[in-house]
Amino acid sequence: MNTHLNSIRTIALVCIAGKAVSVGFSSEEASLATSVNASITTFLMFTLCYLSVEYGIQFFIIPLVREPLGVISFKRRKDKAVEQFEGTVINLAEGVSPLDTPKAQEVIAYTLGTFAGVLTNEELMSLDNNLKAFILGEPTTQISVNRRISKFRTHDVYHFGWNIAKRLKIPNTMMAEFLKSQFPWQLADVEISTIAKKLSSDEGAFTLPKVEPRLPLAPFPLAKKLSIC
């Protein structure tokens, strides 16, 4: 992107310089010094106009448009996740996949809807695949999120795990191991045994709340609360 912008700027400045020279030397009666001064003045005026337009768009128009577009994008992804949760018809026949149980569908929809707009598409897809593998009892070797997310704290990871563990009836230690493998940056300095003990902790700052098992686990607008969109 920066390479393209620099190329456009270079072309624009060359065009402006050419126009300035043509304007400065357009008069046959003007002296050389006058023509040069006119060229320089024209070049500076055109350059100032160009920079005013570019930076006006970059610092005023784009920020005004970006926030509404981000909110619309988040709402669409959230609504899609909620529809997937509410509209799923579960086959309760014998031998049904663990992924097709009501609780698993609820947890998957919660995960996708909550982290929509917070994680990149690749990270969200990786977390979704690893969560499904975890539900099936399969190993999860791929890391989903290994970077800092502004205002997304350790206790947010704890509460995410607690909300899932309570609905899937997964022991805290197993849930802690899964969280440690998926959010290594946020949990870099925390032992698995400590994570298991603190899944339900309300001490310290957090954004993502716990949801009691008796209540529906609807997607939480995390991106909005973290001021990401």
Protein backbone atom coordinates (compact mmCIF):
# COMPACT_ATOMS: atom_id res chain seq x y z
CA MET A 1 0.00 0.00 0.00
CA ASN A 2 2.76 2.47 0.95
CA THR A 3 4.64 1.62 -2.27
CA HIS A 4 1.56 2.40 -4.34
CA LEU A 5 0.97 5.67 -2.51
CA ASN A 6 4.56 6.75 -3.00
CA SER A 7 4.31 5.96 -6.72
CA ILE A 8 1.13 8.02 -7.00
CA ARG A 9 2.77 10.92 -5.14
CA THR A 10 5.81 10.78 -7.44
CA ILE A 11 3.66 10.82 -10.57
CA ALA A 12 1.54 13.67 -9.18
CA LEU A 13 4.59 15.77 -8.36
CA VAL A 14 6.08 15.17 -11.81
CA CYS A 15 2.79 16.24 -13.43
CA ILE A 16 2.60 19.30 -11.19
CA ALA A 17 6.18 20.25 -12.05
CA GLY A 18 5.48 19.86 -15.78
CA LYS A 19 2.37 21.98 -15.52
CA ALA A 20 4.22 24.61 -13.51
CA VAL A 21 7.00 24.84 -16.12
CA SER A 22 4.50 25.09 -18.99
CA VAL A 23 2.61 27.87 -17.20
CA GLY A 24 5.79 29.75 -16.28
CA PHE A 25 7.18 29.76 -19.81
CA SER A 26 3.89 30.24 -21.63
CA SER A 27 4.49 33.96 -22.11
CA GLU A 28 7.02 34.75 -24.86
CA GLU A 29 7.59 38.30 -23.61
CA ALA A 30 8.50 37.34 -20.03
CA SER A 31 12.16 37.26 -18.98
CA LEU A 32 13.90 34.07 -17.89
CA ALA A 33 13.90 35.11 -14.23
CA THR A 34 10.20 35.94 -14.34
CA SER A 35 9.40 32.63 -16.02
CA VAL A 36 11.40 30.69 -13.42
CA ASN A 37 9.71 32.54 -10.53
CA ALA A 38 6.30 31.90 -12.08
CA SER A 39 7.13 28.20 -12.49
CA ILE A 40 8.27 27.88 -8.88
CA THR A 41 5.21 29.74 -7.57
CA THR A 42 2.85 27.61 -9.66
CA PHE A 43 4.60 24.41 -8.55
CA LEU A 44 4.28 25.35 -4.88
CA MET A 45 0.60 26.27 -5.27
CA PHE A 46 -0.29 23.04 -7.04
CA THR A 47 1.73 20.99 -4.54
CA LEU A 48 -0.03 22.68 -1.60
CA CYS A 49 -3.42 21.96 -3.17
CA TYR A 50 -2.49 18.32 -3.76
CA LEU A 51 -1.22 17.81 -0.21
CA SER A 52 -4.31 19.54 1.23
CA VAL A 53 -6.58 17.12 -0.65
CA GLU A 54 -4.52 14.02 0.24
CA TYR A 55 -4.19 14.74 3.96
CA GLY A 56 -7.77 15.96 4.17
CA ILE A 57 -8.92 12.58 2.90
CA GLN A 58 -6.42 10.65 5.05
CA PHE A 59 -6.98 12.38 8.40
CA PHE A 60 -10.60 13.57 8.21
CA ILE A 61 -12.71 11.68 5.68
CA ILE A 62 -11.29 8.15 6.18
CA PRO A 63 -11.58 8.22 10.04
CA LEU A 64 -15.19 9.41 9.75
CA VAL A 65 -16.07 6.56 7.40
CA ARG A 66 -14.01 3.80 9.07
CA GLU A 67 -15.97 3.63 12.35
CA PRO A 68 -19.47 3.25 10.82
CA LEU A 69 -18.16 0.63 8.39
CA GLY A 70 -16.50 -1.28 11.25
CA VAL A 71 -19.74 -1.27 13.28
CA ILE A 72 -21.72 -2.52 10.28
CA SER A 73 -19.20 -5.29 9.63
CA PHE A 74 -19.24 -6.37 13.28
CA LYS A 75 -23.06 -6.43 13.42
CA ARG A 76 -23.24 -8.58 10.32
CA ARG A 77 -20.77 -11.13 11.66
CA LYS A 78 -22.47 -11.14 15.06
CA ASP A 79 -25.95 -11.57 13.54
CA LYS A 80 -24.67 -14.43 11.40
CA ALA A 81 -23.26 -16.20 14.46
CA VAL A 82 -26.48 -15.67 16.42
CA GLU A 83 -28.58 -16.98 13.53
CA GLN A 84 -26.37 -20.03 13.33
CA PHE A 85 -26.95 -20.66 17.03
CA GLU A 86 -30.69 -19.98 17.09
CA GLY A 87 -31.54 -21.61 13.77
CA THR A 88 -29.58 -24.82 14.10
CA VAL A 89 -31.71 -27.95 14.11
CA ILE A 90 -30.00 -30.66 16.09
CA ASN A 91 -30.30 -34.30 15.12
CA LEU A 92 -30.74 -36.15 18.39
CA ALA A 93 -30.49 -39.62 16.88
CA GLU A 94 -28.08 -42.13 18.39
CA GLY A 95 -24.49 -41.66 17.24
CA VAL A 96 -24.78 -37.90 16.72
CA SER A 97 -21.46 -36.04 16.56
CA PRO A 98 -20.46 -34.16 19.74
CA LEU A 99 -20.26 -31.04 17.59
CA ASP A 100 -23.98 -31.31 16.80
CA THR A 101 -25.18 -31.22 20.39
CA PRO A 102 -27.06 -28.08 21.51
CA LYS A 103 -24.35 -27.07 23.99
CA ALA A 104 -21.54 -27.49 21.45
CA GLN A 105 -23.44 -25.43 18.89
CA GLU A 106 -24.08 -22.78 21.54
CA VAL A 107 -20.39 -22.63 22.48
CA ILE A 108 -19.20 -22.45 18.86
CA ALA A 109 -21.66 -19.66 18.01
CA TYR A 110 -20.64 -17.80 21.18
CA THR A 111 -16.96 -18.06 20.27
CA LEU A 112 -17.39 -16.88 16.69
CA GLY A 113 -19.74 -14.04 17.61
CA THR A 114 -17.69 -12.85 20.56
CA PHE A 115 -14.33 -12.71 18.78
CA ALA A 116 -15.68 -11.39 15.46
CA GLY A 117 -13.90 -8.10 14.81
CA VAL A 118 -11.35 -8.77 17.56
CA LEU A 119 -9.38 -11.49 15.79
CA THR A 120 -8.32 -11.60 12.17
CA ASN A 121 -10.19 -13.99 9.88
CA GLU A 122 -7.26 -16.43 10.03
CA GLU A 123 -7.12 -16.31 13.83
CA LEU A 124 -10.89 -16.73 14.15
CA MET A 125 -10.89 -19.69 11.76
CA SER A 126 -7.99 -21.27 13.63
CA LEU A 127 -9.74 -20.82 17.00
CA ASP A 128 -12.95 -22.29 15.59
CA ASN A 129 -11.15 -25.35 14.19
CA ASN A 130 -9.16 -25.89 17.38
CA LEU A 131 -12.25 -25.54 19.56
CA LYS A 132 -14.06 -28.16 17.49
CA ALA A 133 -11.06 -30.48 17.73
CA PHE A 134 -10.97 -29.90 21.49
CA ILE A 135 -14.67 -30.80 21.79
CA LEU A 136 -14.01 -33.99 19.80
CA GLY A 137 -11.09 -34.87 22.07
CA GLU A 138 -8.53 -34.41 19.32
CA PRO A 139 -5.12 -32.77 19.86
CA THR A 140 -4.79 -29.05 19.08
CA THR A 141 -1.24 -28.16 18.08
CA GLN A 142 -1.86 -24.92 16.22
CA ILE A 143 -1.80 -21.60 18.09
CA SER A 144 -4.77 -19.35 17.36
CA VAL A 145 -3.72 -16.01 18.87
CA ASN A 146 -0.12 -15.18 19.68
CA ARG A 147 -0.12 -11.39 19.85
CA ARG A 148 -1.16 -8.57 22.13
CA ILE A 149 -4.74 -7.36 21.79
CA SER A 150 -5.31 -3.93 23.28
CA LYS A 151 -7.38 -4.04 26.50
CA PHE A 152 -7.94 -7.81 26.15
CA ARG A 153 -6.72 -9.08 29.50
CA THR A 154 -5.88 -12.35 31.20
CA HIS A 155 -9.20 -12.41 33.04
CA ASP A 156 -11.04 -12.11 29.73
CA VAL A 157 -9.39 -15.36 28.65
CA TYR A 158 -10.32 -16.92 32.00
CA HIS A 159 -13.99 -15.99 31.65
CA PHE A 160 -14.10 -17.17 28.03
CA GLY A 161 -12.82 -20.56 29.20
CA TRP A 162 -15.19 -20.67 32.18
CA ASN A 163 -18.24 -19.97 30.02
CA ILE A 164 -17.26 -22.82 27.70
CA ALA A 165 -16.18 -25.30 30.36
CA LYS A 166 -19.40 -24.98 32.35
CA ARG A 167 -21.59 -25.75 29.32
CA LEU A 168 -19.47 -28.59 27.98
CA LYS A 169 -18.85 -29.94 31.51
CA ILE A 170 -15.09 -29.94 30.96
CA PRO A 171 -12.71 -30.10 33.95
CA ASN A 172 -10.94 -26.82 34.69
CA THR A 173 -7.49 -28.35 34.14
CA MET A 174 -8.38 -29.49 30.61
CA MET A 175 -9.88 -26.09 29.87
CA ALA A 176 -6.76 -24.38 31.21
CA GLU A 177 -4.53 -26.46 28.93
CA PHE A 178 -6.65 -25.52 25.92
CA LEU A 179 -6.59 -21.81 26.79
CA LYS A 180 -2.81 -21.88 27.33
CA SER A 181 -2.35 -23.43 23.87
CA GLN A 182 -4.60 -20.90 22.11
CA PHE A 183 -3.70 -17.65 23.91
CA PRO A 184 0.00 -18.08 24.78
CA TRP A 185 0.72 -14.32 24.73
CA GLN A 186 -2.01 -13.44 27.24
CA LEU A 187 -1.13 -16.42 29.47
CA ALA A 188 2.64 -16.42 29.01
CA ASP A 189 3.42 -15.94 32.72
CA VAL A 190 0.60 -18.06 34.13
CA GLU A 191 0.91 -21.75 35.01
CA ILE A 192 -1.82 -24.17 33.93
CA SER A 193 -2.64 -24.96 37.57
CA THR A 194 -3.15 -21.24 38.25
CA ILE A 195 -5.35 -20.83 35.18
CA ALA A 196 -7.51 -23.75 36.32
CA LYS A 197 -8.02 -22.11 39.73
CA LYS A 198 -8.80 -18.64 38.36
CA LEU A 199 -11.30 -19.39 35.59
CA SER A 200 -14.12 -18.02 37.74
CA SER A 201 -12.08 -15.21 39.32
CA ASP A 202 -13.58 -11.71 39.33
CA GLU A 203 -10.47 -10.09 40.78
CA GLY A 204 -8.77 -7.56 38.56
CA ALA A 205 -9.88 -5.79 35.40
CA PHE A 206 -11.78 -7.57 32.66
CA THR A 207 -14.19 -6.87 29.80
CA LEU A 208 -15.63 -10.28 28.96
CA PRO A 209 -18.12 -11.31 31.67
CA LYS A 210 -18.97 -14.72 33.05
CA VAL A 211 -22.37 -16.04 32.06
CA GLU A 212 -24.10 -18.36 34.49
CA PRO A 213 -24.77 -21.83 33.03
CA ARG A 214 -28.52 -21.44 33.56
CA LEU A 215 -28.53 -18.47 31.16
CA PRO A 216 -28.22 -18.56 27.35
CA LEU A 217 -24.66 -18.06 26.14
CA ALA A 218 -25.20 -15.35 23.53
CA PRO A 219 -22.24 -13.77 21.69
CA PHE A 220 -20.76 -10.82 23.57
CA PRO A 221 -19.93 -7.58 21.64
CA LEU A 222 -16.26 -7.75 22.63
CA ALA A 223 -14.94 -5.72 19.68
CA LYS A 224 -17.25 -2.85 20.52
CA LYS A 225 -16.38 -2.95 24.23
CA LEU A 226 -12.68 -2.95 23.40
CA SER A 227 -13.23 -0.02 21.01
CA ILE A 228 -11.76 -2.03 18.14
CA CYS A 229 -14.62 -1.23 15.75
